[in-house]
Amino acid sequence: MVVCALRRGLRPGRPVPAVASCGLAVLVATACAAPSPEHSGEPTAPRIKVLTSAPPSLNGDIFLTPHGGGYPSGPEIISPTGTVIWFHPLPAGQTATDFRTQDYRGRPVLTWSQFGGRGNTLTWTDYIYSDRYRRIAAVRAGDGYATDYHEFLITPQDTALVTATTTATADLSSIGGPAHQTVIEDAVQEIDIRTGKVLFQWNAADHVPYGDSHFLLPASASTPWDWFHVNAAHLDTDGNLLINSRFTWATYKVSRRTGSVIWQLGGKHSTFKLRAAPGQKLDSAGAIFAYQHDPEALGHGLYTLFDDEADLSTTLLAHSRAVVIRLDLAKRTATLIRSDFQPAGLLSRAQGNAQTTRNGDLFVGWGTLPYISEFSPSGKLVFNARLPLHVGSYRAYRLRWHPAGR
C-alpha cells in the first residue's frame, strides 16, 4: 500500500504534482505490480547479462539498487561476470537507492538510502553498515525536513551530506503564477552522524529564483510545484559543495562556509558561456546538459555529469549520455569535451550517474533503463550489461569491497 500510493504522485515528505515530475515515482511505483510467477516465493536477486566484457581490472564489483520487474528491491553487489555476491532484499513496499562503499571513522562501510514506514509516516532513512554487514548508524534529515533519497555522502570529517525537503507557500505573481502557490522546497544538510545535529543547511529558494525553473506550474495553487528538484550534493576538490538541480538544468558550486553560490554551470543564468569542442554537440536548447544528475569533480577544472536530456514529457537530445566538461574560470567558459552515449541509443528519463573509476574509466548507470556500461578514457565501450526487463537502478557504481572474512 505504501509503494502503490506513490504511483498516484505522492512522495514521502514532499508531495509531487505528477508522476512525470519525479524519478522516484518511476523508481518505486513499479513495485506495485504483482510479481511474475517465477519471482514468487523466496526473494530472487536480479542478475545481469554481460553483453560486452573487457579483461578483469582492479575497478572492483558492481553496486546496484535494482527496482521493478517483479523483483524485490534492495542493495546488491554483483561481480563483473554477473555473479551475485551479496543481496539484501527489503520487505515488500520498501526500496533502496544510492548503494555504495564509503569510509566512516577510518573504516570501510556500506551505505544506502531506504524507503519505508515509521508509524503512519512515509520516510527515507540513510543507513551505514559495517564490513560484517551489520548496521552501525542511521541518519535522517533534521530541523523539520524530510530525508530525501537522492544523496547520502559521508565527508572526510565523518559528517553526512543529505538532501532534504519540505513544503512551503510562495508568491509567484512575478512569474505569472499564483500569489499563494504551494511549492516543494529543497535543502542540503550536513549532519553530525553520531548526534543527528544539523551543522549546515542550504535552501534552494534562498539562492535561486523560482523563475529559473524549467518545470511547468501545476494547474492548482494547492498542488506542490517541484520547481528545483535537488538530486545531488557532492564535494568539489576544494571542499565546497556541488549541488545539482534537475529542473533548473544547473549545477551550483556553493560555499560550505557561507552558503553563497560561487558559480552556476548551466541553466538560465549560467556563470559560464557554454560551448562544444570539435566533434561534440550541444542539445536542442543550446545546453551541455538537461535534466542531469550526479556532478563529480575530477580536478584541474574537469567535471563529469550524467546527462539524461529528457524527462517523461520532454526530449532535447536523441540519447542520454555521460559528459565531461572543462571549466575555464578566467575566461568564464564551459566546454563539452567528451560524450559517451547510451550504447543501445536510448533515453533515460530519470535517475542515472557517471563514476570515474580507479583506472580512469567512466562507469555509467543508466537510471530507469536496465543497463550499466563502462567506457575507457578514450571512449571505448569496455563493459556493457543488461538487467532484467523493467528493472532499473537509481545509480550504479564499480567499487572495491573486502568484507570481513572474505
Protein backbone atom coordinates (compact mmCIF):
# COMPACT_ATOMS: atom_id res chain seq x y z
CA MET A 1 0.00 0.00 0.00
CA VAL A 2 2.82 2.39 0.78
CA VAL A 3 4.52 1.89 -2.56
CA CYS A 4 1.35 1.93 -4.64
CA ALA A 5 0.44 5.32 -3.19
CA LEU A 6 3.50 6.75 -4.92
CA ARG A 7 2.11 5.76 -8.31
CA ARG A 8 -0.60 8.34 -7.74
CA GLY A 9 2.02 11.04 -7.32
CA LEU A 10 2.71 11.06 -3.57
CA ARG A 11 6.17 11.26 -2.15
CA PRO A 12 7.47 10.79 1.39
CA GLY A 13 7.79 14.19 2.99
CA ARG A 14 7.13 16.06 -0.25
CA PRO A 15 4.05 15.53 -2.44
CA VAL A 16 4.73 15.54 -6.16
CA PRO A 17 2.48 17.25 -8.69
CA ALA A 18 2.61 14.39 -11.17
CA VAL A 19 4.43 11.15 -11.77
CA ALA A 20 6.18 12.76 -14.74
CA SER A 21 7.89 15.25 -12.46
CA CYS A 22 9.85 12.86 -10.32
CA GLY A 23 12.09 9.89 -10.89
CA LEU A 24 11.06 8.47 -7.50
CA ALA A 25 7.56 7.69 -8.76
CA VAL A 26 9.11 5.83 -11.67
CA LEU A 27 11.54 4.07 -9.33
CA VAL A 28 9.08 2.93 -6.69
CA ALA A 29 5.77 2.54 -8.47
CA THR A 30 6.97 -0.46 -10.46
CA ALA A 31 6.96 -2.43 -7.23
CA CYS A 32 3.16 -2.11 -7.15
CA ALA A 33 2.88 -4.61 -9.99
CA ALA A 34 2.24 -8.20 -8.97
CA PRO A 35 5.41 -10.30 -9.04
CA SER A 36 5.92 -12.58 -12.01
CA PRO A 37 5.29 -16.27 -11.25
CA GLU A 38 9.00 -17.06 -11.47
CA HIS A 39 9.69 -14.41 -8.83
CA SER A 40 7.18 -15.66 -6.27
CA GLY A 41 8.21 -17.41 -3.08
CA GLU A 42 11.73 -16.73 -1.82
CA PRO A 43 13.26 -13.37 -2.76
CA THR A 44 15.19 -13.61 -6.02
CA ALA A 45 18.17 -11.37 -6.61
CA PRO A 46 18.10 -9.68 -10.03
CA ARG A 47 21.01 -10.75 -12.20
CA ILE A 48 22.77 -9.04 -15.06
CA LYS A 49 23.52 -10.33 -18.53
CA VAL A 50 27.01 -9.27 -19.62
CA LEU A 51 26.90 -8.05 -23.23
CA THR A 52 30.43 -6.66 -23.57
CA SER A 53 33.26 -7.62 -21.24
CA ALA A 54 36.86 -6.43 -21.02
CA PRO A 55 39.66 -8.31 -19.27
CA PRO A 56 39.42 -8.15 -15.47
CA SER A 57 40.59 -4.90 -13.89
CA LEU A 58 41.11 -3.60 -10.39
CA ASN A 59 37.98 -1.45 -10.55
CA GLY A 60 36.00 -3.84 -8.37
CA ASP A 61 32.46 -5.18 -8.21
CA ILE A 62 29.16 -3.64 -9.29
CA PHE A 63 26.87 -1.97 -6.75
CA LEU A 64 23.19 -1.59 -7.61
CA THR A 65 19.79 -0.91 -6.07
CA PRO A 66 17.54 -2.78 -8.51
CA HIS A 67 13.86 -1.95 -8.64
CA GLY A 68 10.95 -3.11 -10.77
CA GLY A 69 10.28 -6.18 -12.87
CA GLY A 70 8.58 -8.03 -10.04
CA TYR A 71 11.87 -8.47 -8.17
CA PRO A 72 12.38 -7.40 -4.55
CA SER A 73 14.27 -4.16 -4.09
CA GLY A 74 17.45 -3.92 -2.05
CA PRO A 75 21.17 -3.21 -2.18
CA GLU A 76 23.07 -5.72 -4.32
CA ILE A 77 26.70 -6.48 -5.13
CA ILE A 78 27.42 -8.28 -8.42
CA SER A 79 30.76 -9.44 -9.83
CA PRO A 80 31.87 -8.20 -13.27
CA THR A 81 30.99 -11.65 -14.65
CA GLY A 82 27.40 -11.41 -13.37
CA THR A 83 27.63 -13.49 -10.18
CA VAL A 84 25.52 -12.18 -7.29
CA ILE A 85 27.92 -11.65 -4.35
CA TRP A 86 25.50 -10.16 -1.83
CA PHE A 87 21.85 -9.14 -1.89
CA HIS A 88 19.82 -7.60 0.94
CA PRO A 89 16.15 -7.95 -0.08
CA LEU A 90 13.87 -5.41 1.58
CA PRO A 91 10.34 -6.07 2.83
CA ALA A 92 7.52 -5.62 0.36
CA GLY A 93 6.68 -1.95 -0.11
CA GLN A 94 10.25 -0.76 0.57
CA THR A 95 13.01 0.26 -1.80
CA ALA A 96 16.64 1.42 -1.71
CA THR A 97 18.84 3.87 -3.59
CA ASP A 98 22.46 5.03 -3.79
CA PHE A 99 24.19 1.87 -2.55
CA ARG A 100 27.99 2.20 -2.37
CA THR A 101 31.12 1.83 -0.28
CA GLN A 102 32.35 4.78 1.76
CA ASP A 103 34.69 5.38 4.70
CA TYR A 104 33.42 6.20 8.17
CA ARG A 105 35.67 6.76 11.20
CA GLY A 106 38.60 5.21 9.36
CA ARG A 107 36.77 2.03 8.33
CA PRO A 108 35.21 0.90 5.03
CA VAL A 109 31.42 0.77 5.23
CA LEU A 110 28.38 0.19 3.06
CA THR A 111 25.77 2.93 2.77
CA TRP A 112 22.39 3.34 1.15
CA SER A 113 19.08 5.20 1.43
CA GLN A 114 15.98 3.16 2.26
CA PHE A 115 12.31 3.95 1.97
CA GLY A 116 9.87 2.50 4.49
CA GLY A 117 7.29 3.37 7.11
CA ARG A 118 7.81 4.83 10.55
CA GLY A 119 4.47 4.89 12.33
CA ASN A 120 1.99 6.45 9.90
CA THR A 121 4.70 8.38 8.07
CA LEU A 122 6.38 7.54 4.77
CA THR A 123 10.09 8.08 5.32
CA TRP A 124 13.55 7.69 3.88
CA THR A 125 16.42 6.77 6.16
CA ASP A 126 20.13 6.65 5.34
CA TYR A 127 21.95 3.59 6.68
CA ILE A 128 25.59 2.72 7.40
CA TYR A 129 26.59 -0.96 7.59
CA SER A 130 29.92 -2.40 8.70
CA ASP A 131 32.16 -4.74 6.73
CA ARG A 132 30.38 -7.55 8.58
CA TYR A 133 27.04 -6.42 7.11
CA ARG A 134 25.81 -5.11 10.45
CA ARG A 135 24.00 -1.81 10.86
CA ILE A 136 26.07 0.73 12.78
CA ALA A 137 24.24 4.02 12.15
CA ALA A 138 21.06 5.55 10.75
CA VAL A 139 20.86 9.16 9.56
CA ARG A 140 17.82 11.35 8.94
CA ALA A 141 17.38 14.97 7.99
CA GLY A 142 16.71 17.43 10.82
CA ASP A 143 15.03 20.71 11.65
CA GLY A 144 11.63 19.58 10.39
CA TYR A 145 12.79 18.44 6.94
CA ALA A 146 12.10 15.01 5.47
CA THR A 147 15.05 12.91 4.34
CA ASP A 148 15.28 12.69 0.56
CA TYR A 149 16.60 9.66 -1.31
CA HIS A 150 18.93 11.37 -3.76
CA GLU A 151 22.12 11.73 -1.73
CA PHE A 152 23.90 10.25 1.28
CA LEU A 153 27.56 11.21 1.20
CA ILE A 154 29.98 10.78 4.11
CA THR A 155 32.53 13.60 4.16
CA PRO A 156 36.21 13.37 5.21
CA GLN A 157 35.08 14.94 8.50
CA ASP A 158 32.76 11.95 9.18
CA THR A 159 29.67 14.09 8.72
CA ALA A 160 26.90 13.32 6.24
CA LEU A 161 25.64 15.35 3.31
CA VAL A 162 21.97 14.57 2.68
CA THR A 163 19.23 16.02 0.52
CA ALA A 164 16.07 17.05 2.34
CA THR A 165 12.68 18.53 1.54
CA THR A 166 9.65 20.28 2.94
CA THR A 167 6.70 22.25 1.53
CA ALA A 168 6.02 25.98 1.72
CA THR A 169 3.87 28.70 0.16
CA ALA A 170 5.42 31.16 -2.28
CA ASP A 171 4.27 34.29 -4.11
CA LEU A 172 4.84 33.53 -7.79
CA SER A 173 2.92 36.50 -9.19
CA SER A 174 6.17 37.97 -10.60
CA ILE A 175 6.49 34.96 -12.95
CA GLY A 176 2.79 34.73 -13.79
CA GLY A 177 1.85 32.28 -11.07
CA PRO A 178 -0.45 32.37 -8.05
CA ALA A 179 0.29 34.60 -5.07
CA HIS A 180 -0.05 31.61 -2.76
CA GLN A 181 1.44 28.65 -4.60
CA THR A 182 2.40 25.53 -2.67
CA VAL A 183 5.99 24.69 -3.54
CA ILE A 184 8.40 21.89 -2.72
CA GLU A 185 11.44 23.39 -1.04
CA ASP A 186 14.73 21.54 -1.37
CA ALA A 187 17.65 21.72 1.03
CA VAL A 188 21.06 20.18 1.51
CA GLN A 189 22.05 19.46 5.10
CA GLU A 190 25.34 18.49 6.66
CA ILE A 191 24.63 16.31 9.68
CA ASP A 192 26.73 15.05 12.55
CA ILE A 193 26.25 11.30 12.16
CA ARG A 194 26.70 10.44 15.84
CA THR A 195 24.30 13.08 17.24
CA GLY A 196 21.97 13.84 14.34
CA LYS A 197 22.64 17.57 14.74
CA VAL A 198 22.29 19.72 11.62
CA LEU A 199 25.62 21.52 11.18
CA PHE A 200 24.88 23.32 7.91
CA GLN A 201 21.82 23.87 5.73
CA TRP A 202 21.46 25.29 2.23
CA ASN A 203 17.97 26.13 0.98
CA ALA A 204 17.50 26.39 -2.77
CA ALA A 205 14.84 29.12 -2.57
CA ASP A 206 17.21 31.40 -0.67
CA HIS A 207 19.69 31.44 -3.55
CA VAL A 208 17.89 30.52 -6.80
CA PRO A 209 14.90 32.43 -8.31
CA TYR A 210 11.74 30.42 -8.90
CA GLY A 211 11.77 31.76 -12.45
CA ASP A 212 14.88 29.72 -13.22
CA SER A 213 12.82 26.54 -13.24
CA HIS A 214 12.00 24.70 -16.48
CA PHE A 215 9.22 22.77 -14.79
CA LEU A 216 5.70 23.96 -15.62
CA LEU A 217 3.45 25.32 -12.91
CA PRO A 218 0.64 22.96 -11.85
CA ALA A 219 -2.98 23.78 -12.65
CA SER A 220 -3.84 24.27 -8.98
CA ALA A 221 -2.13 26.50 -6.43
CA SER A 222 -2.59 23.77 -3.84
CA THR A 223 -0.63 21.24 -5.90
CA PRO A 224 3.03 21.32 -4.79
CA TRP A 225 5.33 22.62 -7.52
CA ASP A 226 8.57 20.64 -7.78
CA TRP A 227 10.45 23.62 -9.21
CA PHE A 228 14.08 22.79 -8.22
CA HIS A 229 14.35 19.05 -7.53
CA VAL A 230 17.75 18.65 -5.93
CA ASN A 231 19.32 15.31 -6.87
CA ALA A 232 22.97 15.52 -5.80
CA ALA A 233 25.19 17.12 -3.18
CA HIS A 234 28.87 16.38 -3.70
CA LEU A 235 32.21 17.89 -2.75
CA ASP A 236 34.38 19.84 -5.15
CA THR A 237 38.15 19.34 -4.91
CA ASP A 238 38.44 22.39 -2.62
CA GLY A 239 35.85 21.05 -0.15
CA ASN A 240 32.98 23.28 -1.26
CA LEU A 241 29.68 21.83 -2.44
CA LEU A 242 28.38 20.84 -5.86
CA ILE A 243 24.57 20.94 -5.71
CA ASN A 244 22.58 19.77 -8.71
CA SER A 245 19.06 20.77 -9.78
CA ARG A 246 17.20 18.62 -12.28
CA PHE A 247 14.61 21.24 -13.17
CA THR A 248 16.77 24.35 -13.45
CA TRP A 249 19.22 22.37 -15.61
CA ALA A 250 22.07 23.70 -13.48
CA THR A 251 24.83 22.71 -11.08
CA TYR A 252 25.74 25.19 -8.35
CA LYS A 253 29.08 25.44 -6.60
CA VAL A 254 28.22 26.55 -3.06
CA SER A 255 30.43 27.79 -0.26
CA ARG A 256 30.37 25.24 2.54
CA ARG A 257 31.07 28.08 4.98
CA THR A 258 28.59 30.81 3.94
CA GLY A 259 26.14 29.02 1.64
CA SER A 260 26.65 31.59 -1.13
CA VAL A 261 26.71 30.46 -4.76
CA ILE A 262 30.28 30.67 -6.07
CA TRP A 263 29.32 29.81 -9.64
CA GLN A 264 26.49 28.29 -11.66
CA LEU A 265 27.03 25.85 -14.52
CA GLY A 266 24.12 25.70 -16.97
CA GLY A 267 20.58 26.95 -16.51
CA LYS A 268 19.10 30.35 -17.30
CA HIS A 269 21.84 32.34 -15.54
CA SER A 270 24.99 30.31 -16.16
CA THR A 271 28.24 31.86 -14.97
CA PHE A 272 29.88 30.25 -17.97
CA LYS A 273 29.36 30.53 -21.69
CA LEU A 274 28.53 27.03 -22.93
CA ARG A 275 30.28 25.60 -25.95
CA ALA A 276 31.24 22.27 -27.50
CA ALA A 277 34.69 21.12 -28.56
CA PRO A 278 35.13 19.80 -32.12
CA GLY A 279 33.23 16.54 -32.52
CA GLN A 280 30.94 17.31 -29.57
CA LYS A 281 27.33 18.51 -29.64
CA LEU A 282 25.12 20.78 -27.57
CA ASP A 283 21.46 19.79 -27.21
CA SER A 284 18.47 21.39 -28.93
CA ALA A 285 18.32 24.08 -26.21
CA GLY A 286 21.96 25.02 -26.79
CA ALA A 287 22.94 23.45 -23.46
CA ILE A 288 25.57 20.92 -22.47
CA PHE A 289 23.10 19.03 -20.29
CA ALA A 290 19.44 18.97 -19.23
CA TYR A 291 17.52 17.07 -16.51
CA GLN A 292 21.01 15.98 -15.43
CA HIS A 293 22.31 14.07 -12.40
CA ASP A 294 25.48 13.43 -10.42
CA PRO A 295 28.08 16.20 -10.96
CA GLU A 296 31.53 14.92 -9.97
CA ALA A 297 34.77 16.90 -9.73
CA LEU A 298 37.83 15.35 -11.35
CA GLY A 299 40.23 18.21 -10.62
CA HIS A 300 42.00 20.65 -12.94
CA GLY A 301 38.66 22.20 -13.93
CA LEU A 302 37.14 18.93 -15.19
CA TYR A 303 33.68 17.68 -14.19
CA THR A 304 31.53 14.70 -15.17
CA LEU A 305 27.73 14.59 -15.20
CA PHE A 306 25.07 12.11 -16.23
CA ASP A 307 23.06 13.89 -18.92
CA ASP A 308 19.52 12.49 -19.13
CA GLU A 309 18.44 15.04 -21.80
CA ALA A 310 14.81 14.17 -21.08
CA ASP A 311 12.10 13.80 -18.52
CA LEU A 312 8.84 11.89 -19.03
CA SER A 313 7.38 14.55 -21.34
CA THR A 314 10.33 16.45 -22.91
CA THR A 315 13.25 15.32 -25.08
CA LEU A 316 16.18 17.56 -26.01
CA LEU A 317 18.66 15.04 -27.43
CA ALA A 318 18.20 11.67 -29.06
CA HIS A 319 20.20 9.67 -26.49
CA SER A 320 21.23 10.01 -22.86
CA ARG A 321 24.96 10.37 -22.28
CA ALA A 322 27.72 10.84 -19.76
CA VAL A 323 29.61 14.08 -20.33
CA VAL A 324 32.95 15.58 -19.34
CA ILE A 325 33.15 19.38 -19.10
CA ARG A 326 36.16 21.66 -18.78
CA LEU A 327 35.66 24.94 -16.91
CA ASP A 328 37.88 27.94 -17.53
CA LEU A 329 37.27 30.21 -14.56
CA ALA A 330 39.30 33.07 -16.01
CA LYS A 331 37.52 33.10 -19.38
CA ARG A 332 34.18 32.02 -17.90
CA THR A 333 33.71 29.23 -20.43
CA ALA A 334 32.38 25.69 -20.03
CA THR A 335 33.41 23.37 -22.84
CA LEU A 336 31.90 19.95 -23.55
CA ILE A 337 34.97 17.85 -24.33
CA ARG A 338 33.61 14.29 -24.19
CA SER A 339 30.28 12.49 -24.56
CA ASP A 340 29.67 8.76 -24.02
CA PHE A 341 26.25 7.86 -25.35
CA GLN A 342 23.89 5.11 -24.23
CA PRO A 343 25.08 2.09 -26.25
CA ALA A 344 21.57 0.96 -27.22
CA GLY A 345 20.68 4.50 -28.37
CA LEU A 346 18.10 5.02 -25.61
CA LEU A 347 16.94 7.86 -23.37
CA SER A 348 16.90 7.58 -19.61
CA ARG A 349 14.11 9.87 -18.49
CA ALA A 350 15.10 9.82 -14.82
CA GLN A 351 17.99 8.94 -12.50
CA GLY A 352 21.48 7.81 -13.55
CA ASN A 353 25.12 8.55 -12.70
CA ALA A 354 28.65 8.61 -14.11
CA GLN A 355 31.53 7.46 -11.89
CA THR A 356 35.22 7.78 -12.71
CA THR A 357 36.91 4.53 -11.64
CA ARG A 358 40.37 3.86 -10.23
CA ASN A 359 41.93 3.36 -13.68
CA GLY A 360 40.21 6.36 -15.28
CA ASP A 361 37.30 4.51 -16.90
CA LEU A 362 33.84 6.04 -16.77
CA PHE A 363 31.27 3.69 -15.23
CA VAL A 364 27.70 4.68 -16.09
CA GLY A 365 24.40 3.67 -14.55
CA TRP A 366 21.59 4.48 -16.97
CA GLY A 367 18.94 5.08 -14.31
CA THR A 368 15.49 3.87 -15.32
CA LEU A 369 16.99 1.99 -18.27
CA PRO A 370 18.05 -1.61 -17.49
CA TYR A 371 21.69 -1.07 -18.49
CA ILE A 372 25.11 -0.40 -16.96
CA SER A 373 28.20 0.43 -19.01
CA GLU A 374 31.89 1.24 -18.70
CA PHE A 375 33.95 3.35 -21.10
CA SER A 376 37.74 3.60 -21.32
CA PRO A 377 39.45 7.02 -21.10
CA SER A 378 39.42 7.09 -24.92
CA GLY A 379 35.66 6.48 -25.01
CA LYS A 380 35.75 2.80 -25.99
CA LEU A 381 32.93 0.67 -24.59
CA VAL A 382 34.77 -1.92 -22.48
CA PHE A 383 31.86 -3.27 -20.41
CA ASN A 384 28.13 -3.37 -21.02
CA ALA A 385 25.46 -5.33 -19.18
CA ARG A 386 21.69 -5.50 -19.08
CA LEU A 387 19.45 -6.03 -16.08
CA PRO A 388 16.18 -7.96 -16.41
CA LEU A 389 13.28 -6.34 -18.28
CA HIS A 390 11.74 -3.35 -16.44
CA VAL A 391 14.49 -3.34 -13.81
CA GLY A 392 16.44 -0.13 -13.22
CA SER A 393 18.85 1.21 -10.60
CA TYR A 394 18.93 4.80 -9.33
CA ARG A 395 22.72 4.82 -9.51
CA ALA A 396 25.34 2.16 -10.29
CA TYR A 397 28.92 2.01 -9.07
CA ARG A 398 32.05 -0.04 -9.76
CA LEU A 399 33.86 -0.28 -6.40
CA ARG A 400 36.32 -2.43 -4.49
CA TRP A 401 34.90 -4.11 -1.38
CA HIS A 402 36.56 -6.52 1.04
CA PRO A 403 34.13 -7.58 3.78
CA ALA A 404 35.46 -9.12 6.93
CA GLY A 405 36.20 -12.79 6.34
CA ARG A 406 36.26 -12.55 2.55
